[in-house]
């Protein structure tokens, strides 16, 4: 599979921020990076706390950074974990991503060396619903 420079940039941003993860309880650092329509990349890492499993997933942190900057759409997102190749977002994060992404939004699954696979969001969250379903 051929990955674009944009895919590789998302991996690099996710890998870089993963190194800042606060995974004191799970010892499972994760990084995520997403690209908004503006071209800006927003990154986040998991942040755990003593009331484990409370905390933030990497994808949630990246989405929060995007929203805090005033953007509301995910064009693509990459996820990387130090200890698990081809890590996927958890169920809760899949729904959080869906809030700001289309069903066909690419989710780039990575390992430490680079992107491994691109999966449309709908394949990770089949039969999903979005805000239109609630109106």
Protein backbone atom coordinates (compact mmCIF):
# COMPACT_ATOMS: atom_id res chain seq x y z
CA UNK A 1 0.00 0.00 0.00
CA UNK A 2 1.29 3.44 -0.90
CA UNK A 3 1.03 6.09 1.80
CA UNK A 4 1.03 9.79 0.99
CA UNK A 5 3.33 12.35 2.53
CA UNK A 6 0.26 13.60 4.40
CA UNK A 7 -0.29 10.11 5.89
CA UNK A 8 3.38 10.01 6.91
CA UNK A 9 3.14 13.49 8.48
CA UNK A 10 0.19 12.36 10.60
CA UNK A 11 2.16 9.31 11.72
CA UNK A 12 5.16 11.47 12.62
CA UNK A 13 3.00 13.86 14.65
CA UNK A 14 1.27 10.97 16.46
CA UNK A 15 4.58 9.27 17.19
CA UNK A 16 6.12 12.50 18.48
CA UNK A 17 3.24 13.30 20.84
CA UNK A 18 3.00 9.67 22.00
CA UNK A 19 6.37 10.22 23.69
CA UNK A 20 4.64 12.74 25.98
CA UNK A 21 1.88 10.35 27.07
CA UNK A 22 1.15 10.08 30.77
CA UNK A 23 0.50 6.33 30.90
CA UNK A 24 1.52 5.83 34.51
CA UNK A 25 -1.11 3.15 35.21
CA UNK A 26 -1.52 1.22 31.96
CA UNK A 27 2.07 1.59 30.71
CA UNK A 28 0.45 1.80 27.25
CA UNK A 29 1.40 5.12 25.61
CA UNK A 30 -0.69 6.12 22.60
CA UNK A 31 -0.47 9.06 20.21
CA UNK A 32 -3.01 10.35 17.72
CA UNK A 33 -2.86 13.10 15.12
CA UNK A 34 -5.62 14.40 12.93
CA UNK A 35 -5.75 16.76 9.99
CA UNK A 36 -8.48 19.38 9.69
CA UNK A 37 -9.65 20.91 6.38
CA UNK A 38 -7.35 23.88 7.01
CA UNK A 39 -4.40 21.50 6.73
CA UNK A 40 -3.54 22.00 10.40
CA UNK A 41 -2.49 18.88 12.28
CA UNK A 42 -3.72 18.48 15.84
CA UNK A 43 -2.08 15.86 18.05
CA UNK A 44 -2.85 14.31 21.39
CA UNK A 45 -1.62 11.59 23.72
CA UNK A 46 -3.30 9.57 26.41
CA UNK A 47 -3.37 11.18 29.85
CA UNK A 48 -4.16 8.86 32.74
CA UNK A 49 -4.74 9.67 36.39
CA UNK A 50 -4.95 7.88 39.72
CA UNK A 51 -8.67 7.22 39.33
CA UNK A 52 -7.79 4.85 36.46
CA UNK A 53 -9.48 4.20 34.05
CA UNK A 54 -10.56 7.81 34.08
CA UNK A 55 -8.46 9.95 31.81
CA UNK A 56 -8.22 10.89 28.15
CA UNK A 57 -7.42 8.75 25.18
CA UNK A 58 -4.98 10.11 22.61
CA UNK A 59 -7.75 10.54 20.03
CA UNK A 60 -9.87 12.47 22.53
CA UNK A 61 -6.94 14.76 23.30
CA UNK A 62 -6.33 15.44 19.59
CA UNK A 63 -10.02 16.17 19.02
CA UNK A 64 -10.05 18.52 22.02
CA UNK A 65 -7.06 20.43 20.60
CA UNK A 66 -8.87 20.76 17.25
CA UNK A 67 -12.08 21.98 18.86
CA UNK A 68 -10.18 24.39 21.13
CA UNK A 69 -8.61 25.89 17.99
CA UNK A 70 -12.08 26.46 16.51
CA UNK A 71 -12.14 23.66 13.93
CA UNK A 72 -14.87 21.04 13.71
CA UNK A 73 -13.99 18.54 10.98
CA UNK A 74 -11.55 15.64 10.78
CA UNK A 75 -10.23 14.83 7.31
CA UNK A 76 -7.96 11.97 8.46
CA UNK A 77 -6.62 10.61 11.71
CA UNK A 78 -3.59 8.44 12.57
CA UNK A 79 -3.10 6.38 15.72
CA UNK A 80 0.08 4.77 17.04
CA UNK A 81 0.87 2.82 20.22
CA UNK A 82 4.30 1.94 21.49
CA UNK A 83 3.39 -1.63 22.41
CA UNK A 84 0.79 -2.67 19.82
CA UNK A 85 1.19 -2.49 16.06
CA UNK A 86 -1.88 -1.47 14.10
CA UNK A 87 -3.69 -0.16 17.17
CA UNK A 88 -7.26 1.00 16.57
CA UNK A 89 -9.23 3.64 18.48
CA UNK A 90 -11.33 2.32 21.35
CA UNK A 91 -15.11 2.23 20.96
CA UNK A 92 -15.67 5.53 22.72
CA UNK A 93 -13.10 7.28 20.56
CA UNK A 94 -14.62 5.79 17.41
CA UNK A 95 -17.86 7.58 18.28
CA UNK A 96 -15.99 10.78 19.19
CA UNK A 97 -14.22 10.67 15.82
CA UNK A 98 -17.58 10.09 14.11
CA UNK A 99 -18.91 13.28 15.69
CA UNK A 100 -16.42 15.27 13.58
CA UNK A 101 -15.82 12.94 10.64
CA UNK A 102 -17.65 11.31 7.77
CA UNK A 103 -18.18 7.56 7.49
CA UNK A 104 -15.46 7.34 4.84
CA UNK A 105 -12.86 9.35 6.79
CA UNK A 106 -9.52 7.53 6.68
CA UNK A 107 -8.22 6.13 9.95
CA UNK A 108 -4.52 5.42 9.54
CA UNK A 109 -3.34 2.52 11.68
CA UNK A 110 0.37 2.72 12.45
CA UNK A 111 3.24 1.06 14.20
CA UNK A 112 6.40 2.73 15.41
CA UNK A 113 7.97 2.72 11.93
CA UNK A 114 5.07 4.19 9.96
CA UNK A 115 1.56 3.77 8.57
CA UNK A 116 0.45 0.15 8.06
CA UNK A 117 -3.15 0.32 6.92
CA UNK A 118 -5.88 2.81 6.11
CA UNK A 119 -9.39 1.89 7.18
CA UNK A 120 -12.54 3.93 6.53
CA UNK A 121 -14.14 4.95 9.83
CA UNK A 122 -17.35 3.07 8.93
CA UNK A 123 -15.37 -0.20 8.96
CA UNK A 124 -14.41 0.48 12.59
CA UNK A 125 -17.87 1.72 13.59
CA UNK A 126 -20.45 -0.02 11.38
CA UNK A 127 -24.04 1.17 11.51
CA UNK A 128 -22.87 4.32 13.27
CA UNK A 129 -25.01 7.34 13.79
CA UNK A 130 -24.18 11.00 13.70
CA UNK A 131 -25.87 14.19 14.88
CA UNK A 132 -28.27 14.07 11.91
CA UNK A 133 -29.82 10.94 13.45
CA UNK A 134 -30.75 12.96 16.53
CA UNK A 135 -32.65 15.73 14.77
